[in-house]
Amino acid sequence: MSTAPTPCSSVVSLRRPSPSFVLTYDDGPTPGVTDRLLTVLAEAGATATFFVLLTRVRQCPGLLGETLAAGHEVGLHGLDHQRLTSLPPDAHAARFRDGRAELEDLAGVAVRWSRPPYGDQDLASWQAARDAGLAPVLWNLTCLDWETHTQEENLAELRAADPQGAVLLLHDGFADARDGVDDGPPPRGLDRVALTRAVLDRVSEAGLAPVSLGRAVVHEQTVEAG
């Protein structure tokens, strides 16, 4: 997982001052995780943007519907989780075009955002996303929840930062062979639901509204591109 993604005119945060904090999740949907996160988010009155893998959506399209019905939005994380910069440049156009079409067909709503796996993109893949009508989205805060850490270590970056207007990277899944990759074992002992509860507590302490990217933009908060 890239810990310091390099933006290519991609969304990384909201222009400050902003009363919002953008929650994003990658690599799902995952039964037993995403559905439990929906409950936690509903209890907090929060919305999020879920960047989904079509390899996962095909396995549980009902969970995609539940996510949308709960007021969240979905973006395209990929047909699978292959690193885009490892693919031939001429492969990107079809992947983004077909991926957006399939996701919109399954979701029944327009899809406007994409996020490259690992946050890793080059000019060719970025341009292909834009040509497909998708705005690439990265992040400026993470909880390192693709690695094995204690919860306090997961929260360290968020606790040390001013979260105003931030775009936080979280995960509701862990990519594996089903998604065309081998990233080793998933993090040990990680409770993704407990981590989200702790994130929501931190955001509440800061007096911010945790929302999806689309809702932040609707509320006339200008998106800052890096």
Protein backbone atom coordinates (compact mmCIF):
# COMPACT_ATOMS: atom_id res chain seq x y z
CA MET A 1 0.00 0.00 0.00
CA SER A 2 1.39 3.36 -0.95
CA THR A 3 1.80 5.49 2.15
CA ALA A 4 2.63 8.68 0.27
CA PRO A 5 0.53 8.72 -2.93
CA THR A 6 1.51 11.27 -5.54
CA PRO A 7 -1.55 13.09 -6.84
CA CYS A 8 -2.03 13.67 -10.55
CA SER A 9 -4.67 16.42 -10.35
CA SER A 10 -6.63 14.17 -8.03
CA VAL A 11 -8.90 14.95 -5.10
CA VAL A 12 -6.93 14.77 -1.86
CA SER A 13 -8.85 17.00 0.57
CA LEU A 14 -11.52 19.67 0.91
CA ARG A 15 -10.57 23.28 0.65
CA ARG A 16 -10.36 24.78 4.13
CA PRO A 17 -12.05 26.02 6.16
CA SER A 18 -14.51 23.12 5.93
CA PRO A 19 -16.89 21.77 8.59
CA SER A 20 -16.68 18.29 7.11
CA PHE A 21 -14.48 15.22 7.25
CA VAL A 22 -14.70 12.74 4.37
CA LEU A 23 -14.83 9.03 5.20
CA THR A 24 -13.76 6.62 2.46
CA TYR A 25 -13.48 2.82 2.44
CA ASP A 26 -11.63 0.63 -0.06
CA ASP A 27 -11.61 -3.04 -1.11
CA GLY A 28 -15.17 -4.10 -0.28
CA PRO A 29 -17.90 -4.85 0.00
CA THR A 30 -17.21 -7.60 2.53
CA PRO A 31 -20.01 -9.54 4.23
CA GLY A 32 -19.67 -9.39 7.99
CA VAL A 33 -17.69 -6.14 7.78
CA THR A 34 -19.42 -3.69 5.44
CA ASP A 35 -22.87 -4.48 6.82
CA ARG A 36 -21.66 -3.94 10.39
CA LEU A 37 -20.01 -0.67 9.38
CA LEU A 38 -23.32 0.50 7.92
CA THR A 39 -24.89 0.09 11.35
CA VAL A 40 -22.12 2.02 13.10
CA LEU A 41 -22.25 4.82 10.55
CA ALA A 42 -26.04 5.04 10.83
CA GLU A 43 -25.80 5.32 14.62
CA ALA A 44 -23.43 8.27 14.19
CA GLY A 45 -25.46 9.92 11.44
CA ALA A 46 -22.41 9.61 9.18
CA THR A 47 -22.13 8.91 5.49
CA ALA A 48 -19.14 7.59 3.56
CA THR A 49 -17.83 6.87 0.08
CA PHE A 50 -17.12 3.19 -0.55
CA PHE A 51 -14.61 2.53 -3.32
CA VAL A 52 -15.63 -0.97 -4.35
CA LEU A 53 -13.96 -3.77 -6.26
CA LEU A 54 -16.10 -5.39 -8.93
CA THR A 55 -14.60 -8.75 -8.00
CA ARG A 56 -16.33 -8.28 -4.63
CA VAL A 57 -19.52 -6.61 -5.84
CA ARG A 58 -20.26 -9.54 -8.15
CA GLN A 59 -20.14 -11.86 -5.16
CA CYS A 60 -22.52 -9.81 -3.01
CA PRO A 61 -24.53 -7.32 -5.08
CA GLY A 62 -27.12 -7.16 -2.31
CA LEU A 63 -24.60 -5.60 0.03
CA LEU A 64 -23.91 -2.91 -2.57
CA GLY A 65 -27.63 -2.15 -2.56
CA GLU A 66 -27.70 -1.96 1.23
CA THR A 67 -24.81 0.50 1.17
CA LEU A 68 -26.62 2.79 -1.23
CA ALA A 69 -29.97 2.44 0.54
CA ALA A 70 -28.27 3.58 3.75
CA GLY A 71 -27.38 6.90 2.10
CA HIS A 72 -23.76 6.23 1.23
CA GLU A 73 -22.16 6.54 -2.19
CA VAL A 74 -19.95 4.19 -4.16
CA GLY A 75 -16.93 4.84 -6.33
CA LEU A 76 -14.91 2.54 -8.56
CA HIS A 77 -11.80 1.01 -7.03
CA GLY A 78 -11.31 -1.31 -9.97
CA LEU A 79 -12.33 -4.37 -11.92
CA ASP A 80 -9.90 -6.04 -9.52
CA HIS A 81 -7.00 -4.84 -7.35
CA GLN A 82 -4.16 -5.00 -9.83
CA ARG A 83 -1.73 -2.12 -9.62
CA LEU A 84 -2.53 0.13 -12.58
CA THR A 85 1.08 1.14 -13.15
CA SER A 86 1.93 -2.54 -13.71
CA LEU A 87 -0.48 -2.78 -16.65
CA PRO A 88 0.10 -1.79 -20.29
CA PRO A 89 -1.01 1.81 -20.93
CA ASP A 90 -3.47 0.66 -23.60
CA ALA A 91 -5.31 -1.52 -21.05
CA HIS A 92 -6.60 1.38 -18.98
CA ALA A 93 -9.32 2.78 -21.23
CA ALA A 94 -11.37 -0.41 -21.32
CA ARG A 95 -10.87 -1.10 -17.61
CA PHE A 96 -12.27 2.27 -16.58
CA ARG A 97 -14.97 2.41 -19.23
CA ASP A 98 -16.21 -1.13 -18.62
CA GLY A 99 -15.77 -0.87 -14.86
CA ARG A 100 -17.87 2.26 -14.60
CA ALA A 101 -20.57 0.80 -16.86
CA GLU A 102 -20.80 -2.43 -14.88
CA LEU A 103 -20.83 -0.68 -11.52
CA GLU A 104 -23.52 1.76 -12.62
CA ASP A 105 -25.59 -1.13 -13.96
CA LEU A 106 -25.33 -3.01 -10.65
CA ALA A 107 -25.79 0.08 -8.47
CA GLY A 108 -28.51 1.77 -10.50
CA VAL A 109 -26.92 5.16 -9.90
CA ALA A 110 -24.30 7.29 -11.61
CA VAL A 111 -20.71 6.80 -10.46
CA ARG A 112 -18.47 9.86 -10.43
CA TRP A 113 -15.36 8.91 -8.42
CA SER A 114 -12.52 6.42 -8.85
CA ARG A 115 -9.57 5.49 -6.69
CA PRO A 116 -6.57 3.57 -8.06
CA PRO A 117 -5.57 0.44 -6.12
CA TYR A 118 -2.72 1.24 -3.73
CA GLY A 119 -3.21 4.92 -4.61
CA ASP A 120 -0.79 4.18 -7.45
CA GLN A 121 -1.43 5.87 -10.78
CA ASP A 122 0.44 7.35 -13.70
CA LEU A 123 -0.56 9.80 -16.37
CA ALA A 124 -1.97 7.10 -18.65
CA SER A 125 -4.25 5.60 -15.99
CA TRP A 126 -5.25 9.02 -14.66
CA GLN A 127 -6.20 10.16 -18.16
CA ALA A 128 -8.18 6.98 -18.77
CA ALA A 129 -10.18 7.59 -15.61
CA ARG A 130 -10.92 11.16 -16.66
CA ASP A 131 -11.87 10.03 -20.17
CA ALA A 132 -14.33 7.58 -18.61
CA GLY A 133 -15.96 10.46 -16.75
CA LEU A 134 -14.45 9.61 -13.37
CA ALA A 135 -12.63 11.96 -11.01
CA PRO A 136 -9.62 10.28 -9.35
CA VAL A 137 -9.61 10.49 -5.56
CA LEU A 138 -6.66 9.87 -3.22
CA TRP A 139 -6.46 10.91 0.46
CA ASN A 140 -4.46 12.93 2.93
CA LEU A 141 -4.96 10.86 6.10
CA THR A 142 -4.80 7.11 6.71
CA CYS A 143 -5.23 4.66 9.58
CA LEU A 144 -2.72 2.14 8.16
CA ASP A 145 -5.42 -0.54 8.42
CA TRP A 146 -3.86 -2.74 5.75
CA GLU A 147 -1.02 -3.56 8.17
CA THR A 148 -0.84 -5.15 11.62
CA HIS A 149 -0.83 -2.46 14.31
CA THR A 150 -2.46 -1.77 17.64
CA GLN A 151 -5.55 0.41 17.47
CA GLU A 152 -3.64 3.30 19.00
CA GLU A 153 -1.04 2.98 16.25
CA ASN A 154 -3.83 2.89 13.67
CA LEU A 155 -5.20 6.14 15.09
CA ALA A 156 -1.90 7.95 15.62
CA GLU A 157 -1.91 9.92 12.36
CA LEU A 158 -5.53 10.97 12.78
CA ARG A 159 -5.01 12.01 16.40
CA ALA A 160 -1.93 14.07 15.53
CA ALA A 161 -3.57 15.88 12.60
CA ASP A 162 -6.11 18.64 12.26
CA PRO A 163 -8.88 16.60 10.59
CA GLN A 164 -10.75 19.59 9.21
CA GLY A 165 -11.50 18.96 5.54
CA ALA A 166 -9.50 15.73 5.46
CA VAL A 167 -10.16 12.71 3.25
CA LEU A 168 -9.48 9.61 5.35
CA LEU A 169 -8.53 6.25 3.85
CA LEU A 170 -10.06 3.23 5.59
CA HIS A 171 -10.81 -0.30 4.34
CA ASP A 172 -13.81 -2.58 4.61
CA GLY A 173 -11.92 -5.45 2.99
CA PHE A 174 -8.48 -6.81 2.17
CA ALA A 175 -7.59 -7.64 -1.42
CA ASP A 176 -6.32 -11.14 -2.15
CA ALA A 177 -6.12 -13.76 -4.89
CA ARG A 178 -9.81 -13.29 -5.68
CA ASP A 179 -8.89 -9.78 -6.73
CA GLY A 180 -5.85 -10.73 -8.80
CA VAL A 181 -3.18 -9.90 -6.20
CA ASP A 182 -1.12 -11.42 -3.41
CA ASP A 183 -0.52 -8.84 -0.69
CA GLY A 184 0.27 -11.38 1.98
CA PRO A 185 -1.86 -12.12 5.04
CA PRO A 186 -4.45 -9.61 6.25
CA PRO A 187 -3.67 -7.57 9.37
CA ARG A 188 -3.85 -9.62 12.55
CA GLY A 189 -6.32 -8.72 15.27
CA LEU A 190 -7.83 -5.76 13.42
CA ASP A 191 -11.41 -4.89 14.33
CA ARG A 192 -12.50 -2.63 11.51
CA VAL A 193 -15.78 -1.78 13.23
CA ALA A 194 -14.05 -0.73 16.46
CA LEU A 195 -11.58 1.32 14.44
CA THR A 196 -14.40 3.18 12.70
CA ARG A 197 -16.06 3.85 16.06
CA ALA A 198 -12.80 5.39 17.31
CA VAL A 199 -12.47 7.47 14.14
CA LEU A 200 -16.01 8.76 14.56
CA ASP A 201 -15.27 9.68 18.17
CA ARG A 202 -12.22 11.69 17.07
CA VAL A 203 -14.19 13.46 14.36
CA SER A 204 -16.97 14.27 16.80
CA GLU A 205 -14.44 15.70 19.28
CA ALA A 206 -13.22 17.99 16.49
CA GLY A 207 -16.78 19.20 15.88
CA LEU A 208 -16.81 17.95 12.29
CA ALA A 209 -19.48 16.21 10.23
CA PRO A 210 -18.30 12.85 8.79
CA VAL A 211 -19.70 12.65 5.26
CA SER A 212 -19.25 11.10 1.85
CA LEU A 213 -17.28 13.03 -0.73
CA GLY A 214 -20.37 13.59 -2.83
CA ARG A 215 -22.28 15.05 0.10
CA ALA A 216 -19.38 17.35 0.93
CA VAL A 217 -19.36 18.68 -2.61
CA VAL A 218 -23.15 19.11 -2.62
CA HIS A 219 -22.73 21.26 0.47
CA GLU A 220 -20.65 23.61 -1.69
CA GLN A 221 -17.31 22.70 -0.23
CA THR A 222 -14.79 23.17 -3.00
CA VAL A 223 -12.61 20.16 -3.58
CA GLU A 224 -8.88 20.81 -3.59
CA ALA A 225 -6.86 19.03 -6.24
CA GLY A 226 -3.25 18.25 -5.73
